[in-house]
PDB file of N, CA and C in Angstrom:
ATOM      1  N   MET A   1    -153.639 187.411  78.192  1.00  0.00           N
ATOM      2  CA  MET A   1    -153.767 187.129  79.597  1.00  0.00           C
ATOM      3  C   MET A   1    -154.455 188.028  80.210  1.00  0.00           C
ATOM      4  N   ASN A   2    -155.666 187.731  81.212  1.00  0.00           N
ATOM      5  CA  ASN A   2    -156.533 188.582  81.903  1.00  0.00           C
ATOM      6  C   ASN A   2    -155.893 188.793  83.393  1.00  0.00           C
ATOM      7  N   GLN A   3    -156.449 189.620  83.773  1.00  0.00           N
ATOM      8  CA  GLN A   3    -156.199 189.882  85.420  1.00  0.00           C
ATOM      9  C   GLN A   3    -157.865 189.825  85.637  1.00  0.00           C
ATOM     10  N   TYR A   4    -157.686 189.420  87.136  1.00  0.00           N
ATOM     11  CA  TYR A   4    -158.822 189.551  87.876  1.00  0.00           C
ATOM     12  C   TYR A   4    -158.516 190.137  89.515  1.00  0.00           C
ATOM     13  N   MET A   5    -159.065 190.771  89.895  1.00  0.00           N
ATOM     14  CA  MET A   5    -159.401 191.077  91.211  1.00  0.00           C
ATOM     15  C   MET A   5    -160.464 190.619  92.181  1.00  0.00           C
ATOM     16  N   VAL A   6    -159.582 189.788  93.096  1.00  0.00           N
ATOM     17  CA  VAL A   6    -160.275 189.055  93.814  1.00  0.00           C
ATOM     18  C   VAL A   6    -160.544 189.562  95.233  1.00  0.00           C
ATOM     19  N   ASP A   7    -161.752 189.878  95.768  1.00  0.00           N
ATOM     20  CA  ASP A   7    -162.308 190.722  96.992  1.00  0.00           C
ATOM     21  C   ASP A   7    -162.588 189.705  98.185  1.00  0.00           C
ATOM     22  N   ILE A   8    -161.672 189.110  98.795  1.00  0.00           N
ATOM     23  CA  ILE A   8    -162.094 188.099  99.769  1.00  0.00           C
ATOM     24  C   ILE A   8    -162.481 188.543 101.508  1.00  0.00           C
ATOM     25  N   THR A   9    -163.304 188.121 102.073  1.00  0.00           N
ATOM     26  CA  THR A   9    -163.441 188.565 102.994  1.00  0.00           C
ATOM     27  C   THR A   9    -163.601 187.205 103.893  1.00  0.00           C
ATOM     28  N   LEU A  10    -162.838 187.749 105.086  1.00  0.00           N
ATOM     29  CA  LEU A  10    -162.091 186.566 106.164  1.00  0.00           C
ATOM     30  C   LEU A  10    -163.492 186.666 107.255  1.00  0.00           C
ATOM     31  N   PRO A  11    -163.349 185.494 107.905  1.00  0.00           N
ATOM     32  CA  PRO A  11    -164.362 185.463 108.962  1.00  0.00           C
ATOM     33  C   PRO A  11    -164.137 186.330 110.306  1.00  0.00           C
ATOM     34  N   GLU A  12    -164.987 186.740 111.172  1.00  0.00           N
ATOM     35  CA  GLU A  12    -164.539 187.616 112.002  1.00  0.00           C
ATOM     36  C   GLU A  12    -164.206 186.926 113.026  1.00  0.00           C
ATOM     37  N   TYR A  13    -164.687 185.625 113.570  1.00  0.00           N
ATOM     38  CA  TYR A  13    -164.228 184.857 114.165  1.00  0.00           C
ATOM     39  C   TYR A  13    -162.929 184.024 113.708  1.00  0.00           C
ATOM     40  N   ILE A  14    -161.618 183.969 114.362  1.00  0.00           N
ATOM     41  CA  ILE A  14    -160.433 183.259 113.859  1.00  0.00           C
ATOM     42  C   ILE A  14    -160.088 182.064 114.794  1.00  0.00           C
ATOM     43  N   SER A  15    -160.689 180.610 114.053  1.00  0.00           N
ATOM     44  CA  SER A  15    -160.288 179.379 115.042  1.00  0.00           C
ATOM     45  C   SER A  15    -158.942 179.208 115.016  1.00  0.00           C
ATOM     46  N   GLU A  16    -158.740 177.948 115.968  1.00  0.00           N
ATOM     47  CA  GLU A  16    -157.518 177.385 115.787  1.00  0.00           C
ATOM     48  C   GLU A  16    -157.078 176.548 114.314  1.00  0.00           C
ATOM     49  N   GLU A  17    -157.928 176.405 113.965  1.00  0.00           N
ATOM     50  CA  GLU A  17    -157.821 175.448 112.674  1.00  0.00           C
ATOM     51  C   GLU A  17    -156.984 176.351 111.490  1.00  0.00           C
ATOM     52  N   PHE A  18    -158.044 177.607 111.341  1.00  0.00           N
ATOM     53  CA  PHE A  18    -157.493 178.962 110.617  1.00  0.00           C
ATOM     54  C   PHE A  18    -155.922 179.122 110.911  1.00  0.00           C
ATOM     55  N   MET A  19    -155.922 179.089 111.905  1.00  0.00           N
ATOM     56  CA  MET A  19    -154.024 179.763 112.242  1.00  0.00           C
ATOM     57  C   MET A  19    -153.600 178.628 112.125  1.00  0.00           C
ATOM     58  N   SER A  20    -153.726 177.555 112.209  1.00  0.00           N
ATOM     59  CA  SER A  20    -152.874 176.552 112.031  1.00  0.00           C
ATOM     60  C   SER A  20    -152.638 176.046 110.641  1.00  0.00           C
ATOM     61  N   LEU A  21    -153.577 176.760 109.662  1.00  0.00           N
ATOM     62  CA  LEU A  21    -153.604 176.856 108.099  1.00  0.00           C
ATOM     63  C   LEU A  21    -152.487 178.005 107.225  1.00  0.00           C
ATOM     64  N   ILE A  22    -152.497 179.153 108.330  1.00  0.00           N
ATOM     65  CA  ILE A  22    -151.913 180.396 107.820  1.00  0.00           C
ATOM     66  C   ILE A  22    -150.557 180.156 107.262  1.00  0.00           C
ATOM     67  N   PRO A  23    -149.262 179.562 107.677  1.00  0.00           N
ATOM     68  CA  PRO A  23    -148.254 179.147 106.886  1.00  0.00           C
ATOM     69  C   PRO A  23    -148.278 178.306 105.741  1.00  0.00           C
ATOM     70  N   PHE A  24    -149.256 177.277 105.468  1.00  0.00           N
ATOM     71  CA  PHE A  24    -149.517 177.020 104.330  1.00  0.00           C
ATOM     72  C   PHE A  24    -150.229 178.047 103.306  1.00  0.00           C
ATOM     73  N   GLN A  25    -150.927 178.957 103.779  1.00  0.00           N
ATOM     74  CA  GLN A  25    -151.723 179.876 102.614  1.00  0.00           C
ATOM     75  C   GLN A  25    -150.511 180.428 102.101  1.00  0.00           C
ATOM     76  N   ARG A  26    -149.286 180.853 103.427  1.00  0.00           N
ATOM     77  CA  ARG A  26    -148.104 181.581 102.790  1.00  0.00           C
ATOM     78  C   ARG A  26    -147.720 181.322 101.740  1.00  0.00           C
ATOM     79  N   SER A  27    -147.188 179.903 102.361  1.00  0.00           N
ATOM     80  CA  SER A  27    -146.429 179.155 101.168  1.00  0.00           C
ATOM     81  C   SER A  27    -146.654 178.972  99.945  1.00  0.00           C
ATOM     82  N   GLN A  28    -148.578 178.888  99.531  1.00  0.00           N
ATOM     83  CA  GLN A  28    -149.115 178.598  98.343  1.00  0.00           C
ATOM     84  C   GLN A  28    -148.903 180.104  97.782  1.00  0.00           C
ATOM     85  N   VAL A  29    -149.229 181.043  98.508  1.00  0.00           N
ATOM     86  CA  VAL A  29    -149.194 182.604  98.030  1.00  0.00           C
ATOM     87  C   VAL A  29    -147.802 182.925  97.332  1.00  0.00           C
ATOM     88  N   ASN A  30    -146.751 182.450  98.113  1.00  0.00           N
ATOM     89  CA  ASN A  30    -145.717 182.457  97.665  1.00  0.00           C
ATOM     90  C   ASN A  30    -145.334 181.678  96.487  1.00  0.00           C
ATOM     91  N   ARG A  31    -145.633 180.317  96.215  1.00  0.00           N
ATOM     92  CA  ARG A  31    -145.623 179.746  95.117  1.00  0.00           C
ATOM     93  C   ARG A  31    -146.261 180.106  93.812  1.00  0.00           C
ATOM     94  N   LEU A  32    -147.517 180.771  94.350  1.00  0.00           N
ATOM     95  CA  LEU A  32    -148.191 181.357  93.010  1.00  0.00           C
ATOM     96  C   LEU A  32    -147.451 182.390  92.499  1.00  0.00           C
ATOM     97  N   MET A  33    -147.389 183.555  93.686  1.00  0.00           N
ATOM     98  CA  MET A  33    -146.365 184.784  93.258  1.00  0.00           C
ATOM     99  C   MET A  33    -145.377 184.507  92.398  1.00  0.00           C
ATOM    100  N   GLY A  34    -144.202 183.448  92.508  1.00  0.00           N
ATOM    101  CA  GLY A  34    -143.358 183.034  92.331  1.00  0.00           C
ATOM    102  C   GLY A  34    -143.304 182.536  90.561  1.00  0.00           C
ATOM    103  N   ARG A  35    -144.566 182.024  90.462  1.00  0.00           N
ATOM    104  CA  ARG A  35    -144.941 181.442  88.759  1.00  0.00           C
ATOM    105  C   ARG A  35    -145.517 182.464  88.072  1.00  0.00           C
ATOM    106  N   GLY A  36    -145.899 183.683  89.011  1.00  0.00           N
ATOM    107  CA  GLY A  36    -146.654 184.719  87.598  1.00  0.00           C
ATOM    108  C   GLY A  36    -148.093 184.460  87.905  1.00  0.00           C
ATOM    109  N   ILE A  37    -148.566 183.728  88.711  1.00  0.00           N
ATOM    110  CA  ILE A  37    -150.227 183.775  88.840  1.00  0.00           C
ATOM    111  C   ILE A  37    -150.638 184.646  89.700  1.00  0.00           C
ATOM    112  N   LEU A  38    -150.293 184.979  90.465  1.00  0.00           N
ATOM    113  CA  LEU A  38    -150.844 185.913  91.333  1.00  0.00           C
ATOM    114  C   LEU A  38    -149.768 186.934  91.462  1.00  0.00           C
ATOM    115  N   ASN A  39    -150.541 187.987  91.169  1.00  0.00           N
ATOM    116  CA  ASN A  39    -149.730 189.698  90.742  1.00  0.00           C
ATOM    117  C   ASN A  39    -149.522 190.178  92.370  1.00  0.00           C
ATOM    118  N   SER A  40    -150.262 190.188  92.779  1.00  0.00           N
ATOM    119  CA  SER A  40    -150.453 191.103  94.453  1.00  0.00           C
ATOM    120  C   SER A  40    -151.178 190.157  95.482  1.00  0.00           C
ATOM    121  N   TYR A  41    -151.290 190.335  96.597  1.00  0.00           N
ATOM    122  CA  TYR A  41    -151.626 189.740  98.060  1.00  0.00           C
ATOM    123  C   TYR A  41    -151.604 190.743  99.027  1.00  0.00           C
ATOM    124  N   SER A  42    -152.862 191.293  99.382  1.00  0.00           N
ATOM    125  CA  SER A  42    -153.131 192.366 100.612  1.00  0.00           C
ATOM    126  C   SER A  42    -153.885 192.421 101.136  1.00  0.00           C
ATOM    127  N   LEU A  43    -153.378 192.156 102.661  1.00  0.00           N
ATOM    128  CA  LEU A  43    -154.418 191.947 103.929  1.00  0.00           C
ATOM    129  C   LEU A  43    -154.560 193.512 104.118  1.00  0.00           C
ATOM    130  N   SER A  44    -156.059 193.839 104.695  1.00  0.00           N
ATOM    131  CA  SER A  44    -156.165 194.804 105.326  1.00  0.00           C
ATOM    132  C   SER A  44    -155.858 195.190 106.683  1.00  0.00           C
ATOM    133  N   MET A  45    -155.550 195.992 107.058  1.00  0.00           N
ATOM    134  CA  MET A  45    -155.142 196.204 108.598  1.00  0.00           C
ATOM    135  C   MET A  45    -156.245 195.579 109.427  1.00  0.00           C
ATOM    136  N   ASP A  46    -157.293 195.415 109.311  1.00  0.00           N
ATOM    137  CA  ASP A  46    -158.101 195.013 110.764  1.00  0.00           C
ATOM    138  C   ASP A  46    -158.445 193.663 110.119  1.00  0.00           C
ATOM    139  N   ARG A  47    -157.382 193.221 109.213  1.00  0.00           N
ATOM    140  CA  ARG A  47    -157.519 191.559 109.166  1.00  0.00           C
ATOM    141  C   ARG A  47    -158.935 191.105 108.490  1.00  0.00           C
ATOM    142  N   GLY A  48    -159.682 191.755 108.311  1.00  0.00           N
ATOM    143  CA  GLY A  48    -160.865 191.348 107.709  1.00  0.00           C
ATOM    144  C   GLY A  48    -161.182 191.110 106.200  1.00  0.00           C
ATOM    145  N   ARG A  49    -160.172 191.404 105.060  1.00  0.00           N
ATOM    146  CA  ARG A  49    -160.135 191.273 103.836  1.00  0.00           C
ATOM    147  C   ARG A  49    -158.657 191.454 103.115  1.00  0.00           C
ATOM    148  N   ILE A  50    -159.000 190.522 102.170  1.00  0.00           N
ATOM    149  CA  ILE A  50    -157.935 190.226 101.327  1.00  0.00           C
ATOM    150  C   ILE A  50    -157.876 190.839 100.205  1.00  0.00           C
ATOM    151  N   TRP A  51    -157.267 191.154  99.220  1.00  0.00           N
ATOM    152  CA  TRP A  51    -157.170 191.354  98.075  1.00  0.00           C
ATOM    153  C   TRP A  51    -156.035 190.683  97.426  1.00  0.00           C
ATOM    154  N   ALA A  52    -156.363 190.209  96.446  1.00  0.00           N
ATOM    155  CA  ALA A  52    -155.474 189.709  95.230  1.00  0.00           C
ATOM    156  C   ALA A  52    -155.938 189.891  93.787  1.00  0.00           C
ATOM    157  N   VAL A  53    -154.795 190.167  93.305  1.00  0.00           N
ATOM    158  CA  VAL A  53    -154.826 190.243  91.529  1.00  0.00           C
ATOM    159  C   VAL A  53    -154.139 188.675  91.200  1.00  0.00           C
ATOM    160  N   VAL A  54    -154.772 188.278  90.458  1.00  0.00           N
ATOM    161  CA  VAL A  54    -154.674 187.180  89.769  1.00  0.00           C
ATOM    162  C   VAL A  54    -154.388 187.292  88.343  1.00  0.00           C
ATOM    163  N   ASN A  55    -153.637 186.643  87.705  1.00  0.00           N
ATOM    164  CA  ASN A  55    -153.260 186.343  86.263  1.00  0.00           C
ATOM    165  C   ASN A  55    -154.037 184.907  85.692  1.00  0.00           C
ATOM    166  N   ALA A  56    -154.825 185.324  85.123  1.00  0.00           N
ATOM    167  CA  ALA A  56    -155.526 184.047  84.505  1.00  0.00           C
ATOM    168  C   ALA A  56    -156.199 184.128  83.014  1.00  0.00           C
ATOM    169  N   ASP A  57    -156.350 183.097  82.356  1.00  0.00           N
ATOM    170  CA  ASP A  57    -157.210 183.233  81.170  1.00  0.00           C
ATOM    171  C   ASP A  57    -158.748 183.398  81.026  1.00  0.00           C
ATOM    172  N   THR A  58    -158.964 183.254  82.134  1.00  0.00           N
ATOM    173  CA  THR A  58    -160.963 182.872  82.504  1.00  0.00           C
ATOM    174  C   THR A  58    -160.933 183.135  83.845  1.00  0.00           C
ATOM    175  N   GLN A  59    -162.141 183.802  84.070  1.00  0.00           N
ATOM    176  CA  GLN A  59    -162.688 183.684  84.924  1.00  0.00           C
ATOM    177  C   GLN A  59    -162.610 182.439  86.062  1.00  0.00           C
ATOM    178  N   LYS A  60    -163.129 181.412  85.496  1.00  0.00           N
ATOM    179  CA  LYS A  60    -162.937 179.827  85.732  1.00  0.00           C
ATOM    180  C   LYS A  60    -161.638 179.732  86.462  1.00  0.00           C
ATOM    181  N   GLU A  61    -160.394 179.940  85.439  1.00  0.00           N
ATOM    182  CA  GLU A  61    -159.046 179.539  86.006  1.00  0.00           C
ATOM    183  C   GLU A  61    -158.582 180.582  87.173  1.00  0.00           C
ATOM    184  N   ALA A  62    -159.153 181.725  87.294  1.00  0.00           N
ATOM    185  CA  ALA A  62    -158.729 182.602  88.367  1.00  0.00           C
ATOM    186  C   ALA A  62    -159.635 181.821  89.885  1.00  0.00           C
ATOM    187  N   GLU A  63    -160.971 181.530  89.667  1.00  0.00           N
ATOM    188  CA  GLU A  63    -161.388 180.573  90.621  1.00  0.00           C
ATOM    189  C   GLU A  63    -160.483 179.481  91.284  1.00  0.00           C
ATOM    190  N   ARG A  64    -160.059 178.401  90.061  1.00  0.00           N
ATOM    191  CA  ARG A  64    -159.221 177.494  90.317  1.00  0.00           C
ATOM    192  C   ARG A  64    -158.330 178.145  91.143  1.00  0.00           C
ATOM    193  N   THR A  65    -157.582 179.022  90.933  1.00  0.00           N
ATOM    194  CA  THR A  65    -156.448 179.453  91.727  1.00  0.00           C
ATOM    195  C   THR A  65    -156.609 179.888  92.872  1.00  0.00           C
ATOM    196  N   ILE A  66    -157.934 180.558  93.249  1.00  0.00           N
ATOM    197  CA  ILE A  66    -158.186 180.802  94.844  1.00  0.00           C
ATOM    198  C   ILE A  66    -158.745 179.695  95.563  1.00  0.00           C
ATOM    199  N   GLY A  67    -159.306 178.717  94.615  1.00  0.00           N
ATOM    200  CA  GLY A  67    -159.715 177.525  95.248  1.00  0.00           C
ATOM    201  C   GLY A  67    -158.471 176.498  95.626  1.00  0.00           C
ATOM    202  N   SER A  68    -157.171 177.046  95.192  1.00  0.00           N
ATOM    203  CA  SER A  68    -155.944 176.302  95.784  1.00  0.00           C
ATOM    204  C   SER A  68    -155.670 176.513  97.040  1.00  0.00           C
ATOM    205  N   PHE A  69    -156.242 178.284  97.617  1.00  0.00           N
ATOM    206  CA  PHE A  69    -155.492 178.423  98.677  1.00  0.00           C
ATOM    207  C   PHE A  69    -156.247 177.416 100.165  1.00  0.00           C
ATOM    208  N   PRO A  70    -155.261 177.219 101.084  1.00  0.00           N
ATOM    209  CA  PRO A  70    -155.473 176.049 102.306  1.00  0.00           C
ATOM    210  C   PRO A  70    -156.532 176.605 102.805  1.00  0.00           C
ATOM    211  N   LEU A  71    -157.097 178.162 103.046  1.00  0.00           N
ATOM    212  CA  LEU A  71    -157.585 179.034 103.683  1.00  0.00           C
ATOM    213  C   LEU A  71    -159.180 178.973 103.086  1.00  0.00           C
ATOM    214  N   VAL A  72    -159.290 178.825 101.951  1.00  0.00           N
ATOM    215  CA  VAL A  72    -160.532 178.800 100.972  1.00  0.00           C
ATOM    216  C   VAL A  72    -161.895 179.017 101.649  1.00  0.00           C
ATOM    217  N   LYS A  73    -161.890 177.740 102.618  1.00  0.00           N
ATOM    218  CA  LYS A  73    -163.083 177.068 103.206  1.00  0.00           C
ATOM    219  C   LYS A  73    -163.912 178.441 104.244  1.00  0.00           C
ATOM    220  N   PHE A  74    -162.810 179.097 104.492  1.00  0.00           N
ATOM    221  CA  PHE A  74    -162.920 180.211 105.712  1.00  0.00           C
ATOM    222  C   PHE A  74    -163.432 181.581 104.717  1.00  0.00           C
ATOM    223  N   MET A  75    -163.198 181.383 103.533  1.00  0.00           N
ATOM    224  CA  MET A  75    -163.224 182.684 102.792  1.00  0.00           C
ATOM    225  C   MET A  75    -164.371 183.091 101.934  1.00  0.00           C
ATOM    226  N   ARG A  76    -164.952 184.162 101.781  1.00  0.00           N
ATOM    227  CA  ARG A  76    -165.999 184.706 100.820  1.00  0.00           C
ATOM    228  C   ARG A  76    -165.378 185.441  99.463  1.00  0.00           C
ATOM    229  N   TYR A  77    -165.577 185.288  98.682  1.00  0.00           N
ATOM    230  CA  TYR A  77    -164.775 186.144  97.513  1.00  0.00           C
ATOM    231  C   TYR A  77    -165.809 186.501  96.470  1.00  0.00           C
ATOM    232  N   GLU A  78    -165.518 187.626  95.811  1.00  0.00           N
ATOM    233  CA  GLU A  78    -165.585 188.003  94.308  1.00  0.00           C
ATOM    234  C   GLU A  78    -164.704 188.334  93.724  1.00  0.00           C
ATOM    235  N   ILE A  79    -165.119 187.492  92.797  1.00  0.00           N
ATOM    236  CA  ILE A  79    -163.922 188.302  91.560  1.00  0.00           C
ATOM    237  C   ILE A  79    -164.405 189.315  90.409  1.00  0.00           C
ATOM    238  N   HIS A  80    -163.604 189.819  90.060  1.00  0.00           N
ATOM    239  CA  HIS A  80    -163.930 191.166  89.083  1.00  0.00           C
ATOM    240  C   HIS A  80    -162.649 191.009  88.119  1.00  0.00           C
ATOM    241  N   GLU A  81    -163.094 190.824  86.638  1.00  0.00           N
ATOM    242  CA  GLU A  81    -162.247 191.170  85.742  1.00  0.00           C
ATOM    243  C   GLU A  81    -161.702 192.384  85.505  1.00  0.00           C
ATOM    244  N   LEU A  82    -160.225 192.674  85.472  1.00  0.00           N
ATOM    245  CA  LEU A  82    -159.786 194.135  85.453  1.00  0.00           C
ATOM    246  C   LEU A  82    -159.533 194.238  83.918  1.00  0.00           C
ATOM    247  N   ALA A  83    -159.772 195.789  83.624  1.00  0.00           N
ATOM    248  CA  ALA A  83    -159.582 196.581  82.436  1.00  0.00           C
ATOM    249  C   ALA A  83    -157.925 196.683  82.429  1.00  0.00           C
ATOM    250  N   PHE A  84    -157.195 196.899  83.511  1.00  0.00           N
ATOM    251  CA  PHE A  84    -155.634 197.252  83.474  1.00  0.00           C
ATOM    252  C   PHE A  84    -155.540 197.451  85.020  1.00  0.00           C
ATOM    253  N   ASN A  85    -154.293 197.005  85.537  1.00  0.00           N
ATOM    254  CA  ASN A  85    -153.942 196.901  86.715  1.00  0.00           C
ATOM    255  C   ASN A  85    -152.379 197.423  86.857  1.00  0.00           C
ATOM    256  N   ASN A  86    -152.133 198.972  86.922  1.00  0.00           N
ATOM    257  CA  ASN A  86    -150.694 199.475  87.020  1.00  0.00           C
ATOM    258  C   ASN A  86    -150.282 199.213  88.118  1.00  0.00           C
ATOM    259  N   ASN A  87    -149.066 198.848  88.115  1.00  0.00           N
ATOM    260  CA  ASN A  87    -148.101 198.580  89.457  1.00  0.00           C
ATOM    261  C   ASN A  87    -146.822 198.930  88.803  1.00  0.00           C
ATOM    262  N   ILE A  88    -146.215 199.114  90.229  1.00  0.00           N
ATOM    263  CA  ILE A  88    -144.552 199.654  90.199  1.00  0.00           C
ATOM    264  C   ILE A  88    -143.592 198.569  89.561  1.00  0.00           C
ATOM    265  N   ALA A  89    -143.820 197.263  89.202  1.00  0.00           N
ATOM    266  CA  ALA A  89    -143.248 196.328  88.969  1.00  0.00           C
ATOM    267  C   ALA A  89    -143.227 196.620  87.140  1.00  0.00           C
ATOM    268  N   GLN A  90    -144.442 197.129  86.888  1.00  0.00           N
ATOM    269  CA  GLN A  90    -144.702 197.433  85.184  1.00  0.00           C
ATOM    270  C   GLN A  90    -143.560 198.440  84.947  1.00  0.00           C
ATOM    271  N   ILE A  91    -143.274 199.096  85.764  1.00  0.00           N
ATOM    272  CA  ILE A  91    -142.466 200.629  85.026  1.00  0.00           C
ATOM    273  C   ILE A  91    -140.964 200.192  85.702  1.00  0.00           C
ATOM    274  N   MET A  92    -140.621 199.602  86.724  1.00  0.00           N
ATOM    275  CA  MET A  92    -139.005 199.336  86.807  1.00  0.00           C
ATOM    276  C   MET A  92    -138.999 198.061  86.163  1.00  0.00           C
ATOM    277  N   PRO A  93    -137.502 197.997  85.982  1.00  0.00           N
ATOM    278  CA  PRO A  93    -136.863 196.784  85.495  1.00  0.00           C
ATOM    279  C   PRO A  93    -136.614 195.836  86.343  1.00  0.00           C
ATOM    280  N   ARG A  94    -136.719 194.593  86.366  1.00  0.00           N
ATOM    281  CA  ARG A  94    -135.829 194.034  87.556  1.00  0.00           C
ATOM    282  C   ARG A  94    -134.771 193.777  87.648  1.00  0.00           C
ATOM    283  N   PHE A  95    -134.322 193.775  88.896  1.00  0.00           N
ATOM    284  CA  PHE A  95    -132.635 194.037  88.958  1.00  0.00           C
ATOM    285  C   PHE A  95    -132.079 192.566  89.041  1.00  0.00           C
ATOM    286  N   SER A  96    -130.970 192.259  88.527  1.00  0.00           N
ATOM    287  CA  SER A  96    -130.500 191.175  88.857  1.00  0.00           C
ATOM    288  C   SER A  96    -128.819 191.148  88.762  1.00  0.00           C
ATOM    289  N   LEU A  97    -128.350 190.693  89.872  1.00  0.00           N
ATOM    290  CA  LEU A  97    -126.787 190.411  90.163  1.00  0.00           C
ATOM    291  C   LEU A  97    -126.208 189.663  89.325  1.00  0.00           C
ATOM    292  N   ASN A  98    -126.832 188.902  88.388  1.00  0.00           N
ATOM    293  CA  ASN A  98    -125.776 188.238  87.480  1.00  0.00           C
ATOM    294  C   ASN A  98    -125.508 189.046  86.358  1.00  0.00           C
TER     295      ASN A  98
END
């Protein structure tokens, strides 16, 4: 499994249609994170960019993942394959109450 950094640029003008799709975007992001397809999803403070790390076998598969976003028609994005992506979740074991 490879990892891809997706650098997403959002529109300067946020339409009502865009705003109405945000809850669906969040649901899709949560679904993808729960399935281990999306490793991270971050919004810049100025709300103009999103950075996402996608786990996929190929860049085409990563593109399909981004294509599943409800807001995709408002996004411009570039996909870059990562050599590695260190994060705290890899260092700390998951805690379970079971």
